[in-house]
């Protein structure tokens, strides 16, 4: 469980925009370069979220400025040197966890109001 100051700092970033949350989800378990992030988001959301490069890199800059992600070295020496790889930081992971919990609470409320079916 994260320490209280980091949790409080993480909570200041909520709620997240859809693109930002999707970027953090993409990086939650692996470092990826920009185009791979776009592809991952498109695949996971069945095309519902389709980021342009300009939207992605504007969000990446904000996430790096907020220390939620960081740039990391390329995975291999034969990787394209123009590619920049990004990895979620511990703070970024905590922000993503808090956002996921916030969304889960919202889904529970929608189910209570019968806007969504209750799972079997």
PDB file of N, CA and C in Angstrom:
ATOM      1  N   UNK A   1       0.847  -1.186   0.000  1.00  0.00           N
ATOM      2  CA  UNK A   1       0.000   0.000   0.000  1.00  0.00           C
ATOM      3  C   UNK A   1       0.888   1.243   0.000  1.00  0.00           C
ATOM      4  N   UNK A   2       0.585   2.222  -0.866  1.00  0.00           N
ATOM      5  CA  UNK A   2       1.433   3.405  -0.930  1.00  0.00           C
ATOM      6  C   UNK A   2       1.315   4.256   0.331  1.00  0.00           C
ATOM      7  N   UNK A   3       2.354   5.052   0.545  1.00  0.00           N
ATOM      8  CA  UNK A   3       2.324   5.937   1.706  1.00  0.00           C
ATOM      9  C   UNK A   3       1.297   7.048   1.483  1.00  0.00           C
ATOM     10  N   UNK A   4       0.814   7.606   2.574  1.00  0.00           N
ATOM     11  CA  UNK A   4      -0.260   8.606   2.540  1.00  0.00           C
ATOM     12  C   UNK A   4       0.098   9.849   1.721  1.00  0.00           C
ATOM     13  N   UNK A   5       1.309  10.418   1.869  1.00  0.00           N
ATOM     14  CA  UNK A   5       1.624  11.609   1.064  1.00  0.00           C
ATOM     15  C   UNK A   5       1.544  11.345  -0.438  1.00  0.00           C
ATOM     16  N   UNK A   6       2.037  10.177  -0.895  1.00  0.00           N
ATOM     17  CA  UNK A   6       1.973   9.877  -2.329  1.00  0.00           C
ATOM     18  C   UNK A   6       0.512   9.697  -2.763  1.00  0.00           C
ATOM     19  N   UNK A   7      -0.290   9.053  -1.918  1.00  0.00           N
ATOM     20  CA  UNK A   7      -1.712   8.856  -2.242  1.00  0.00           C
ATOM     21  C   UNK A   7      -2.417  10.215  -2.347  1.00  0.00           C
ATOM     22  N   UNK A   8      -2.121  11.117  -1.419  1.00  0.00           N
ATOM     23  CA  UNK A   8      -2.719  12.458  -1.465  1.00  0.00           C
ATOM     24  C   UNK A   8      -2.272  13.208  -2.718  1.00  0.00           C
ATOM     25  N   UNK A   9      -0.990  13.094  -3.062  1.00  0.00           N
ATOM     26  CA  UNK A   9      -0.476  13.735  -4.271  1.00  0.00           C
ATOM     27  C   UNK A   9      -1.142  13.133  -5.500  1.00  0.00           C
ATOM     28  N   UNK A  10      -1.300  11.828  -5.523  1.00  0.00           N
ATOM     29  CA  UNK A  10      -1.939  11.154  -6.652  1.00  0.00           C
ATOM     30  C   UNK A  10      -3.385  11.613  -6.823  1.00  0.00           C
ATOM     31  N   UNK A  11      -4.096  11.761  -5.724  1.00  0.00           N
ATOM     32  CA  UNK A  11      -5.510  12.151  -5.780  1.00  0.00           C
ATOM     33  C   UNK A  11      -5.701  13.532  -6.404  1.00  0.00           C
ATOM     34  N   UNK A  12      -4.699  14.371  -6.344  1.00  0.00           N
ATOM     35  CA  UNK A  12      -4.796  15.717  -6.928  1.00  0.00           C
ATOM     36  C   UNK A  12      -4.907  15.692  -8.448  1.00  0.00           C
ATOM     37  N   UNK A  13      -4.545  14.571  -9.058  1.00  0.00           N
ATOM     38  CA  UNK A  13      -4.572  14.453 -10.518  1.00  0.00           C
ATOM     39  C   UNK A  13      -5.925  13.982 -11.046  1.00  0.00           C
ATOM     40  N   UNK A  14      -6.841  13.643 -10.148  1.00  0.00           N
ATOM     41  CA  UNK A  14      -8.132  13.090 -10.561  1.00  0.00           C
ATOM     42  C   UNK A  14      -9.165  14.185 -10.756  1.00  0.00           C
ATOM     43  N   UNK A  15     -10.146  13.953 -11.598  1.00  0.00           N
ATOM     44  CA  UNK A  15     -10.303  12.819 -12.498  1.00  0.00           C
ATOM     45  C   UNK A  15      -9.398  12.969 -13.714  1.00  0.00           C
ATOM     46  N   UNK A  16      -9.082  11.855 -14.336  1.00  0.00           N
ATOM     47  CA  UNK A  16      -8.243  11.857 -15.534  1.00  0.00           C
ATOM     48  C   UNK A  16      -9.103  11.963 -16.780  1.00  0.00           C
ATOM     49  N   UNK A  17      -8.536  12.520 -17.818  1.00  0.00           N
ATOM     50  CA  UNK A  17      -9.206  12.472 -19.113  1.00  0.00           C
ATOM     51  C   UNK A  17      -9.082  11.055 -19.662  1.00  0.00           C
ATOM     52  N   UNK A  18      -9.940  10.711 -20.584  1.00  0.00           N
ATOM     53  CA  UNK A  18      -9.893   9.373 -21.190  1.00  0.00           C
ATOM     54  C   UNK A  18      -8.535   9.090 -21.829  1.00  0.00           C
ATOM     55  N   UNK A  19      -7.977   9.993 -22.656  1.00  0.00           N
ATOM     56  CA  UNK A  19      -6.669   9.696 -23.249  1.00  0.00           C
ATOM     57  C   UNK A  19      -5.576   9.473 -22.198  1.00  0.00           C
ATOM     58  N   UNK A  20      -5.551  10.286 -21.162  1.00  0.00           N
ATOM     59  CA  UNK A  20      -4.519  10.152 -20.136  1.00  0.00           C
ATOM     60  C   UNK A  20      -4.664   8.830 -19.395  1.00  0.00           C
ATOM     61  N   UNK A  21      -5.885   8.461 -19.028  1.00  0.00           N
ATOM     62  CA  UNK A  21      -6.094   7.184 -18.351  1.00  0.00           C
ATOM     63  C   UNK A  21      -5.678   6.027 -19.253  1.00  0.00           C
ATOM     64  N   UNK A  22      -6.028   6.107 -20.530  1.00  0.00           N
ATOM     65  CA  UNK A  22      -5.664   5.036 -21.452  1.00  0.00           C
ATOM     66  C   UNK A  22      -4.146   4.934 -21.631  1.00  0.00           C
ATOM     67  N   UNK A  23      -3.456   6.055 -21.648  1.00  0.00           N
ATOM     68  CA  UNK A  23      -1.984   6.024 -21.740  1.00  0.00           C
ATOM     69  C   UNK A  23      -1.401   5.343 -20.504  1.00  0.00           C
ATOM     70  N   UNK A  24      -1.882   5.713 -19.326  1.00  0.00           N
ATOM     71  CA  UNK A  24      -1.386   5.075 -18.098  1.00  0.00           C
ATOM     72  C   UNK A  24      -1.692   3.581 -18.093  1.00  0.00           C
ATOM     73  N   UNK A  25      -2.860   3.190 -18.591  1.00  0.00           N
ATOM     74  CA  UNK A  25      -3.174   1.761 -18.690  1.00  0.00           C
ATOM     75  C   UNK A  25      -2.195   1.049 -19.617  1.00  0.00           C
ATOM     76  N   UNK A  26      -1.876   1.664 -20.735  1.00  0.00           N
ATOM     77  CA  UNK A  26      -0.941   1.059 -21.682  1.00  0.00           C
ATOM     78  C   UNK A  26       0.427   0.831 -21.059  1.00  0.00           C
ATOM     79  N   UNK A  27       0.830   1.761 -20.199  1.00  0.00           N
ATOM     80  CA  UNK A  27       2.168   1.688 -19.602  1.00  0.00           C
ATOM     81  C   UNK A  27       2.180   0.986 -18.250  1.00  0.00           C
ATOM     82  N   UNK A  28       1.026   0.530 -17.776  1.00  0.00           N
ATOM     83  CA  UNK A  28       0.943  -0.064 -16.438  1.00  0.00           C
ATOM     84  C   UNK A  28       1.814  -1.296 -16.275  1.00  0.00           C
ATOM     85  N   UNK A  29       2.039  -2.049 -17.348  1.00  0.00           N
ATOM     86  CA  UNK A  29       2.795  -3.290 -17.202  1.00  0.00           C
ATOM     87  C   UNK A  29       4.000  -3.404 -18.123  1.00  0.00           C
ATOM     88  N   UNK A  30       4.260  -2.345 -18.915  1.00  0.00           N
ATOM     89  CA  UNK A  30       5.417  -2.403 -19.810  1.00  0.00           C
ATOM     90  C   UNK A  30       5.753  -1.014 -20.341  1.00  0.00           C
ATOM     91  N   UNK A  31       7.014  -0.827 -20.663  1.00  0.00           N
ATOM     92  CA  UNK A  31       7.448   0.406 -21.320  1.00  0.00           C
ATOM     93  C   UNK A  31       7.124   0.280 -22.805  1.00  0.00           C
ATOM     94  N   UNK A  32       6.626   1.361 -23.392  1.00  0.00           N
ATOM     95  CA  UNK A  32       6.276   1.365 -24.810  1.00  0.00           C
ATOM     96  C   UNK A  32       6.716   2.670 -25.453  1.00  0.00           C
ATOM     97  N   UNK A  33       6.915   2.632 -26.772  1.00  0.00           N
ATOM     98  CA  UNK A  33       7.165   3.860 -27.521  1.00  0.00           C
ATOM     99  C   UNK A  33       5.820   4.433 -27.960  1.00  0.00           C
ATOM    100  N   UNK A  34       5.837   5.660 -28.439  1.00  0.00           N
ATOM    101  CA  UNK A  34       4.606   6.374 -28.740  1.00  0.00           C
ATOM    102  C   UNK A  34       3.649   5.648 -29.653  1.00  0.00           C
ATOM    103  N   UNK A  35       4.129   5.168 -30.801  1.00  0.00           N
ATOM    104  CA  UNK A  35       3.224   4.510 -31.735  1.00  0.00           C
ATOM    105  C   UNK A  35       2.654   3.224 -31.134  1.00  0.00           C
ATOM    106  N   UNK A  36       3.449   2.518 -30.344  1.00  0.00           N
ATOM    107  CA  UNK A  36       2.952   1.300 -29.686  1.00  0.00           C
ATOM    108  C   UNK A  36       1.853   1.641 -28.672  1.00  0.00           C
ATOM    109  N   UNK A  37       1.966   2.785 -28.017  1.00  0.00           N
ATOM    110  CA  UNK A  37       0.913   3.221 -27.090  1.00  0.00           C
ATOM    111  C   UNK A  37      -0.388   3.445 -27.873  1.00  0.00           C
ATOM    112  N   UNK A  38      -0.298   4.147 -28.997  1.00  0.00           N
ATOM    113  CA  UNK A  38      -1.475   4.405 -29.831  1.00  0.00           C
ATOM    114  C   UNK A  38      -2.115   3.090 -30.264  1.00  0.00           C
ATOM    115  N   UNK A  39      -1.296   2.148 -30.719  1.00  0.00           N
ATOM    116  CA  UNK A  39      -1.808   0.847 -31.169  1.00  0.00           C
ATOM    117  C   UNK A  39      -2.449   0.069 -30.021  1.00  0.00           C
ATOM    118  N   UNK A  40      -1.819   0.089 -28.857  1.00  0.00           N
ATOM    119  CA  UNK A  40      -2.349  -0.636 -27.703  1.00  0.00           C
ATOM    120  C   UNK A  40      -3.714  -0.083 -27.304  1.00  0.00           C
ATOM    121  N   UNK A  41      -3.822   1.231 -27.254  1.00  0.00           N
ATOM    122  CA  UNK A  41      -5.092   1.858 -26.875  1.00  0.00           C
ATOM    123  C   UNK A  41      -6.172   1.530 -27.903  1.00  0.00           C
ATOM    124  N   UNK A  42      -5.833   1.636 -29.167  1.00  0.00           N
ATOM    125  CA  UNK A  42      -6.799   1.336 -30.226  1.00  0.00           C
ATOM    126  C   UNK A  42      -7.284  -0.111 -30.104  1.00  0.00           C
ATOM    127  N   UNK A  43      -6.363  -1.042 -29.870  1.00  0.00           N
ATOM    128  CA  UNK A  43      -6.727  -2.463 -29.766  1.00  0.00           C
ATOM    129  C   UNK A  43      -7.568  -2.736 -28.519  1.00  0.00           C
ATOM    130  N   UNK A  44      -7.154  -2.199 -27.362  1.00  0.00           N
ATOM    131  CA  UNK A  44      -7.882  -2.460 -26.112  1.00  0.00           C
ATOM    132  C   UNK A  44      -9.284  -1.879 -26.124  1.00  0.00           C
ATOM    133  N   UNK A  45      -9.466  -0.741 -26.809  1.00  0.00           N
ATOM    134  CA  UNK A  45     -10.772  -0.073 -26.810  1.00  0.00           C
ATOM    135  C   UNK A  45     -11.585  -0.389 -28.061  1.00  0.00           C
ATOM    136  N   UNK A  46     -11.133  -1.362 -28.856  1.00  0.00           N
ATOM    137  CA  UNK A  46     -11.802  -1.703 -30.119  1.00  0.00           C
ATOM    138  C   UNK A  46     -12.016  -0.470 -30.992  1.00  0.00           C
ATOM    139  N   UNK A  47     -11.044   0.438 -30.974  1.00  0.00           N
ATOM    140  CA  UNK A  47     -11.102   1.629 -31.809  1.00  0.00           C
ATOM    141  C   UNK A  47     -11.920   2.774 -31.251  1.00  0.00           C
ATOM    142  N   UNK A  48     -12.542   2.585 -30.087  1.00  0.00           N
ATOM    143  CA  UNK A  48     -13.332   3.670 -29.497  1.00  0.00           C
ATOM    144  C   UNK A  48     -12.459   4.860 -29.114  1.00  0.00           C
ATOM    145  N   UNK A  49     -11.227   4.589 -28.714  1.00  0.00           N
ATOM    146  CA  UNK A  49     -10.271   5.653 -28.414  1.00  0.00           C
ATOM    147  C   UNK A  49      -9.133   5.508 -29.421  1.00  0.00           C
ATOM    148  N   UNK A  50      -9.017   6.470 -30.304  1.00  0.00           N
ATOM    149  CA  UNK A  50      -8.013   6.433 -31.371  1.00  0.00           C
ATOM    150  C   UNK A  50      -7.232   7.744 -31.325  1.00  0.00           C
ATOM    151  N   UNK A  51      -6.136   7.738 -30.603  1.00  0.00           N
ATOM    152  CA  UNK A  51      -5.364   8.958 -30.405  1.00  0.00           C
ATOM    153  C   UNK A  51      -4.558   9.317 -31.642  1.00  0.00           C
ATOM    154  N   UNK A  52      -4.490  10.595 -31.937  1.00  0.00           N
ATOM    155  CA  UNK A  52      -3.566  11.074 -32.959  1.00  0.00           C
ATOM    156  C   UNK A  52      -2.196  11.238 -32.295  1.00  0.00           C
ATOM    157  N   UNK A  53      -1.177  11.326 -33.103  1.00  0.00           N
ATOM    158  CA  UNK A  53       0.173  11.514 -32.567  1.00  0.00           C
ATOM    159  C   UNK A  53       0.263  12.823 -31.781  1.00  0.00           C
ATOM    160  N   UNK A  54      -0.369  13.884 -32.287  1.00  0.00           N
ATOM    161  CA  UNK A  54      -0.283  15.166 -31.580  1.00  0.00           C
ATOM    162  C   UNK A  54      -0.978  15.097 -30.224  1.00  0.00           C
ATOM    163  N   UNK A  55      -2.126  14.424 -30.142  1.00  0.00           N
ATOM    164  CA  UNK A  55      -2.817  14.261 -28.857  1.00  0.00           C
ATOM    165  C   UNK A  55      -1.967  13.440 -27.909  1.00  0.00           C
ATOM    166  N   UNK A  56      -1.398  12.351 -28.419  1.00  0.00           N
ATOM    167  CA  UNK A  56      -0.559  11.491 -27.574  1.00  0.00           C
ATOM    168  C   UNK A  56       0.625  12.274 -27.011  1.00  0.00           C
ATOM    169  N   UNK A  57       1.376  12.949 -27.873  1.00  0.00           N
ATOM    170  CA  UNK A  57       2.599  13.592 -27.399  1.00  0.00           C
ATOM    171  C   UNK A  57       2.327  14.806 -26.517  1.00  0.00           C
ATOM    172  N   UNK A  58       1.213  15.472 -26.709  1.00  0.00           N
ATOM    173  CA  UNK A  58       0.840  16.556 -25.779  1.00  0.00           C
ATOM    174  C   UNK A  58       0.543  15.961 -24.403  1.00  0.00           C
ATOM    175  N   UNK A  59      -0.170  14.837 -24.378  1.00  0.00           N
ATOM    176  CA  UNK A  59      -0.474  14.176 -23.099  1.00  0.00           C
ATOM    177  C   UNK A  59       0.793  13.612 -22.467  1.00  0.00           C
ATOM    178  N   UNK A  60       1.674  13.030 -23.271  1.00  0.00           N
ATOM    179  CA  UNK A  60       2.938  12.491 -22.750  1.00  0.00           C
ATOM    180  C   UNK A  60       3.752  13.604 -22.099  1.00  0.00           C
ATOM    181  N   UNK A  61       3.799  14.758 -22.732  1.00  0.00           N
ATOM    182  CA  UNK A  61       4.555  15.879 -22.140  1.00  0.00           C
ATOM    183  C   UNK A  61       3.966  16.263 -20.784  1.00  0.00           C
ATOM    184  N   UNK A  62       2.637  16.370 -20.700  1.00  0.00           N
ATOM    185  CA  UNK A  62       2.000  16.717 -19.418  1.00  0.00           C
ATOM    186  C   UNK A  62       2.253  15.630 -18.368  1.00  0.00           C
ATOM    187  N   UNK A  63       2.174  14.373 -18.777  1.00  0.00           N
ATOM    188  CA  UNK A  63       2.416  13.272 -17.835  1.00  0.00           C
ATOM    189  C   UNK A  63       3.860  13.270 -17.342  1.00  0.00           C
ATOM    190  N   UNK A  64       4.805  13.580 -18.227  1.00  0.00           N
ATOM    191  CA  UNK A  64       6.213  13.649 -17.807  1.00  0.00           C
ATOM    192  C   UNK A  64       6.432  14.851 -16.883  1.00  0.00           C
ATOM    193  N   UNK A  65       5.825  15.987 -17.207  1.00  0.00           N
ATOM    194  CA  UNK A  65       5.958  17.172 -16.355  1.00  0.00           C
ATOM    195  C   UNK A  65       5.397  16.915 -14.958  1.00  0.00           C
ATOM    196  N   UNK A  66       4.363  16.085 -14.869  1.00  0.00           N
ATOM    197  CA  UNK A  66       3.743  15.757 -13.579  1.00  0.00           C
ATOM    198  C   UNK A  66       4.412  14.561 -12.897  1.00  0.00           C
ATOM    199  N   UNK A  67       5.460  14.013 -13.521  1.00  0.00           N
ATOM    200  CA  UNK A  67       6.210  12.858 -12.994  1.00  0.00           C
ATOM    201  C   UNK A  67       5.341  11.604 -12.877  1.00  0.00           C
ATOM    202  N   UNK A  68       4.361  11.475 -13.783  1.00  0.00           N
ATOM    203  CA  UNK A  68       3.533  10.269 -13.789  1.00  0.00           C
ATOM    204  C   UNK A  68       4.105   9.213 -14.728  1.00  0.00           C
ATOM    205  N   UNK A  69       4.882   9.648 -15.709  1.00  0.00           N
ATOM    206  CA  UNK A  69       5.631   8.736 -16.564  1.00  0.00           C
ATOM    207  C   UNK A  69       7.029   9.310 -16.746  1.00  0.00           C
ATOM    208  N   UNK A  70       7.940   8.475 -17.226  1.00  0.00           N
ATOM    209  CA  UNK A  70       9.293   8.935 -17.503  1.00  0.00           C
ATOM    210  C   UNK A  70       9.790   8.257 -18.768  1.00  0.00           C
ATOM    211  N   UNK A  71      10.762   8.888 -19.409  1.00  0.00           N
ATOM    212  CA  UNK A  71      11.383   8.288 -20.579  1.00  0.00           C
ATOM    213  C   UNK A  71      12.426   7.289 -20.110  1.00  0.00           C
ATOM    214  N   UNK A  72      12.507   6.148 -20.793  1.00  0.00           N
ATOM    215  CA  UNK A  72      13.464   5.106 -20.446  1.00  0.00           C
ATOM    216  C   UNK A  72      14.231   4.714 -21.703  1.00  0.00           C
ATOM    217  N   UNK A  73      15.397   4.080 -21.538  1.00  0.00           N
ATOM    218  CA  UNK A  73      16.179   3.676 -22.714  1.00  0.00           C
ATOM    219  C   UNK A  73      15.425   2.665 -23.583  1.00  0.00           C
ATOM    220  N   UNK A  74      15.801   2.640 -24.860  1.00  0.00           N
ATOM    221  CA  UNK A  74      15.220   1.673 -25.793  1.00  0.00           C
ATOM    222  C   UNK A  74      15.487   0.255 -25.292  1.00  0.00           C
ATOM    223  N   UNK A  75      14.630  -0.665 -25.698  1.00  0.00           N
ATOM    224  CA  UNK A  75      14.737  -2.050 -25.237  1.00  0.00           C
ATOM    225  C   UNK A  75      15.946  -2.780 -25.791  1.00  0.00           C
ATOM    226  N   UNK A  76      16.316  -2.472 -27.048  1.00  0.00           N
ATOM    227  CA  UNK A  76      17.453  -3.175 -27.644  1.00  0.00           C
ATOM    228  C   UNK A  76      18.271  -2.211 -28.494  1.00  0.00           C
ATOM    229  N   UNK A  77      19.492  -2.607 -28.760  1.00  0.00           N
ATOM    230  CA  UNK A  77      20.399  -1.758 -29.519  1.00  0.00           C
ATOM    231  C   UNK A  77      19.933  -1.593 -30.958  1.00  0.00           C
ATOM    232  N   UNK A  78      19.220  -2.574 -31.520  1.00  0.00           N
ATOM    233  CA  UNK A  78      18.785  -2.463 -32.906  1.00  0.00           C
ATOM    234  C   UNK A  78      17.416  -1.793 -33.047  1.00  0.00           C
ATOM    235  N   UNK A  79      16.901  -1.239 -31.965  1.00  0.00           N
ATOM    236  CA  UNK A  79      15.642  -0.505 -32.033  1.00  0.00           C
ATOM    237  C   UNK A  79      15.888   0.824 -32.743  1.00  0.00           C
ATOM    238  N   UNK A  80      14.874   1.344 -33.394  1.00  0.00           N
ATOM    239  CA  UNK A  80      14.977   2.619 -34.097  1.00  0.00           C
ATOM    240  C   UNK A  80      15.366   3.711 -33.089  1.00  0.00           C
ATOM    241  N   UNK A  81      16.498   4.381 -33.293  1.00  0.00           N
ATOM    242  CA  UNK A  81      16.964   5.383 -32.320  1.00  0.00           C
ATOM    243  C   UNK A  81      16.038   6.586 -32.180  1.00  0.00           C
ATOM    244  N   UNK A  82      15.108   6.786 -33.123  1.00  0.00           N
ATOM    245  CA  UNK A  82      14.163   7.903 -33.020  1.00  0.00           C
ATOM    246  C   UNK A  82      13.041   7.607 -32.035  1.00  0.00           C
ATOM    247  N   UNK A  83      12.849   6.345 -31.730  1.00  0.00           N
ATOM    248  CA  UNK A  83      11.763   5.974 -30.810  1.00  0.00           C
ATOM    249  C   UNK A  83      12.109   6.354 -29.380  1.00  0.00           C
ATOM    250  N   UNK A  84      11.138   6.914 -28.701  1.00  0.00           N
ATOM    251  CA  UNK A  84      11.266   7.248 -27.282  1.00  0.00           C
ATOM    252  C   UNK A  84      10.334   6.313 -26.525  1.00  0.00           C
ATOM    253  N   UNK A  85      10.894   5.640 -25.534  1.00  0.00           N
ATOM    254  CA  UNK A  85      10.107   4.712 -24.720  1.00  0.00           C
ATOM    255  C   UNK A  85       9.707   5.391 -23.418  1.00  0.00           C
ATOM    256  N   UNK A  86       8.509   5.066 -22.952  1.00  0.00           N
ATOM    257  CA  UNK A  86       7.969   5.659 -21.733  1.00  0.00           C
ATOM    258  C   UNK A  86       7.542   4.562 -20.776  1.00  0.00           C
ATOM    259  N   UNK A  87       7.687   4.864 -19.493  1.00  0.00           N
ATOM    260  CA  UNK A  87       7.338   3.919 -18.432  1.00  0.00           C
ATOM    261  C   UNK A  87       6.580   4.688 -17.350  1.00  0.00           C
ATOM    262  N   UNK A  88       5.600   4.047 -16.768  1.00  0.00           N
ATOM    263  CA  UNK A  88       4.842   4.672 -15.688  1.00  0.00           C
ATOM    264  C   UNK A  88       5.720   4.718 -14.430  1.00  0.00           C
ATOM    265  N   UNK A  89       5.587   5.771 -13.657  1.00  0.00           N
ATOM    266  CA  UNK A  89       6.308   5.894 -12.388  1.00  0.00           C
ATOM    267  C   UNK A  89       5.420   5.340 -11.263  1.00  0.00           C
ATOM    268  N   UNK A  90       5.979   5.124 -10.078  1.00  0.00           N
ATOM    269  CA  UNK A  90       5.125   4.696  -8.954  1.00  0.00           C
ATOM    270  C   UNK A  90       3.967   5.668  -8.699  1.00  0.00           C
ATOM    271  N   UNK A  91       4.215   6.959  -8.809  1.00  0.00           N
ATOM    272  CA  UNK A  91       3.144   7.937  -8.643  1.00  0.00           C
ATOM    273  C   UNK A  91       2.093   7.770  -9.739  1.00  0.00           C
ATOM    274  N   UNK A  92       2.532   7.585 -10.971  1.00  0.00           N
ATOM    275  CA  UNK A  92       1.607   7.386 -12.077  1.00  0.00           C
ATOM    276  C   UNK A  92       0.760   6.141 -11.917  1.00  0.00           C
ATOM    277  N   UNK A  93       1.364   5.085 -11.396  1.00  0.00           N
ATOM    278  CA  UNK A  93       0.618   3.849 -11.144  1.00  0.00           C
ATOM    279  C   UNK A  93      -0.438   4.074 -10.066  1.00  0.00           C
ATOM    280  N   UNK A  94      -0.092   4.832  -9.047  1.00  0.00           N
ATOM    281  CA  UNK A  94      -1.064   5.142  -7.987  1.00  0.00           C
ATOM    282  C   UNK A  94      -2.204   5.995  -8.533  1.00  0.00           C
ATOM    283  N   UNK A  95      -1.896   6.943  -9.385  1.00  0.00           N
ATOM    284  CA  UNK A  95      -2.940   7.761 -10.007  1.00  0.00           C
ATOM    285  C   UNK A  95      -3.869   6.858 -10.827  1.00  0.00           C
ATOM    286  N   UNK A  96      -3.305   5.946 -11.607  1.00  0.00           N
ATOM    287  CA  UNK A  96      -4.126   5.034 -12.414  1.00  0.00           C
ATOM    288  C   UNK A  96      -5.002   4.148 -11.526  1.00  0.00           C
ATOM    289  N   UNK A  97      -4.454   3.665 -10.419  1.00  0.00           N
ATOM    290  CA  UNK A  97      -5.247   2.842  -9.489  1.00  0.00           C
ATOM    291  C   UNK A  97      -6.404   3.635  -8.895  1.00  0.00           C
ATOM    292  N   UNK A  98      -6.137   4.862  -8.487  1.00  0.00           N
ATOM    293  CA  UNK A  98      -7.196   5.694  -7.919  1.00  0.00           C
ATOM    294  C   UNK A  98      -8.273   6.004  -8.947  1.00  0.00           C
ATOM    295  N   UNK A  99      -7.864   6.257 -10.188  1.00  0.00           N
ATOM    296  CA  UNK A  99      -8.843   6.525 -11.247  1.00  0.00           C
ATOM    297  C   UNK A  99      -9.675   5.278 -11.534  1.00  0.00           C
ATOM    298  N   UNK A 100      -9.041   4.109 -11.561  1.00  0.00           N
ATOM    299  CA  UNK A 100      -9.777   2.861 -11.793  1.00  0.00           C
ATOM    300  C   UNK A 100     -10.799   2.636 -10.674  1.00  0.00           C
ATOM    301  N   UNK A 101     -10.413   2.910  -9.446  1.00  0.00           N
ATOM    302  CA  UNK A 101     -11.338   2.758  -8.318  1.00  0.00           C
ATOM    303  C   UNK A 101     -12.483   3.761  -8.425  1.00  0.00           C
ATOM    304  N   UNK A 102     -12.186   4.981  -8.847  1.00  0.00           N
ATOM    305  CA  UNK A 102     -13.218   6.004  -9.030  1.00  0.00           C
ATOM    306  C   UNK A 102     -14.220   5.567 -10.089  1.00  0.00           C
ATOM    307  N   UNK A 103     -13.712   5.035 -11.190  1.00  0.00           N
ATOM    308  CA  UNK A 103     -14.591   4.568 -12.264  1.00  0.00           C
ATOM    309  C   UNK A 103     -15.422   3.363 -11.817  1.00  0.00           C
ATOM    310  N   UNK A 104     -14.819   2.459 -11.034  1.00  0.00           N
ATOM    311  CA  UNK A 104     -15.556   1.296 -10.521  1.00  0.00           C
ATOM    312  C   UNK A 104     -16.711   1.752  -9.626  1.00  0.00           C
ATOM    313  N   UNK A 105     -16.472   2.774  -8.792  1.00  0.00           N
ATOM    314  CA  UNK A 105     -17.555   3.309  -7.952  1.00  0.00           C
ATOM    315  C   UNK A 105     -18.675   3.883  -8.817  1.00  0.00           C
ATOM    316  N   UNK A 106     -18.310   4.561  -9.883  1.00  0.00           N
ATOM    317  CA  UNK A 106     -19.301   5.134 -10.786  1.00  0.00           C
ATOM    318  C   UNK A 106     -20.124   4.033 -11.451  1.00  0.00           C
ATOM    319  N   UNK A 107     -19.489   2.961 -11.851  1.00  0.00           N
ATOM    320  CA  UNK A 107     -20.205   1.836 -12.456  1.00  0.00           C
ATOM    321  C   UNK A 107     -21.157   1.209 -11.439  1.00  0.00           C
ATOM    322  N   UNK A 108     -20.717   1.062 -10.197  1.00  0.00           N
ATOM    323  CA  UNK A 108     -21.612   0.528  -9.153  1.00  0.00           C
ATOM    324  C   UNK A 108     -22.849   1.414  -8.995  1.00  0.00           C
ATOM    325  N   UNK A 109     -22.656   2.717  -9.007  1.00  0.00           N
ATOM    326  CA  UNK A 109     -23.800   3.635  -8.887  1.00  0.00           C
ATOM    327  C   UNK A 109     -24.737   3.490 -10.081  1.00  0.00           C
ATOM    328  N   UNK A 110     -24.180   3.348 -11.280  1.00  0.00           N
ATOM    329  CA  UNK A 110     -25.011   3.175 -12.476  1.00  0.00           C
ATOM    330  C   UNK A 110     -25.794   1.868 -12.398  1.00  0.00           C
ATOM    331  N   UNK A 111     -25.202   0.840 -11.846  1.00  0.00           N
ATOM    332  CA  UNK A 111     -25.916  -0.434 -11.682  1.00  0.00           C
ATOM    333  C   UNK A 111     -27.044  -0.302 -10.658  1.00  0.00           C
ATOM    334  N   UNK A 112     -26.787   0.432  -9.585  1.00  0.00           N
ATOM    335  CA  UNK A 112     -27.835   0.636  -8.580  1.00  0.00           C
ATOM    336  C   UNK A 112     -29.031   1.378  -9.172  1.00  0.00           C
ATOM    337  N   UNK A 113     -28.780   2.229 -10.131  1.00  0.00           N
ATOM    338  CA  UNK A 113     -29.854   2.983 -10.787  1.00  0.00           C
ATOM    339  C   UNK A 113     -30.388   2.246 -12.023  1.00  0.00           C
ATOM    340  N   UNK A 114     -29.931   1.022 -12.202  1.00  0.00           N
ATOM    341  CA  UNK A 114     -30.362   0.157 -13.311  1.00  0.00           C
ATOM    342  C   UNK A 114     -30.038   0.726 -14.701  1.00  0.00           C
ATOM    343  N   UNK A 115     -28.958   1.485 -14.755  1.00  0.00           N
ATOM    344  CA  UNK A 115     -28.492   1.971 -16.059  1.00  0.00           C
ATOM    345  C   UNK A 115     -27.597   0.951 -16.744  1.00  0.00           C
ATOM    346  N   UNK A 116     -27.023   0.049 -15.941  1.00  0.00           N
ATOM    347  CA  UNK A 116     -26.190  -1.037 -16.445  1.00  0.00           C
ATOM    348  C   UNK A 116     -26.673  -2.330 -15.828  1.00  0.00           C
ATOM    349  N   UNK A 117     -26.555  -3.435 -16.543  1.00  0.00           N
ATOM    350  CA  UNK A 117     -26.960  -4.710 -15.951  1.00  0.00           C
ATOM    351  C   UNK A 117     -25.998  -5.143 -14.844  1.00  0.00           C
ATOM    352  N   UNK A 118     -26.532  -5.881 -13.895  1.00  0.00           N
ATOM    353  CA  UNK A 118     -25.704  -6.447 -12.839  1.00  0.00           C
ATOM    354  C   UNK A 118     -25.069  -7.715 -13.383  1.00  0.00           C
ATOM    355  N   UNK A 119     -23.764  -7.889 -13.203  1.00  0.00           N
ATOM    356  CA  UNK A 119     -23.126  -9.099 -13.733  1.00  0.00           C
ATOM    357  C   UNK A 119     -23.661 -10.348 -13.023  1.00  0.00           C
ATOM    358  N   UNK A 120     -23.659 -11.476 -13.751  1.00  0.00           N
ATOM    359  CA  UNK A 120     -24.176 -12.719 -13.143  1.00  0.00           C
ATOM    360  C   UNK A 120     -23.335 -13.205 -11.984  1.00  0.00           C
TER     361      UNK A 120
END
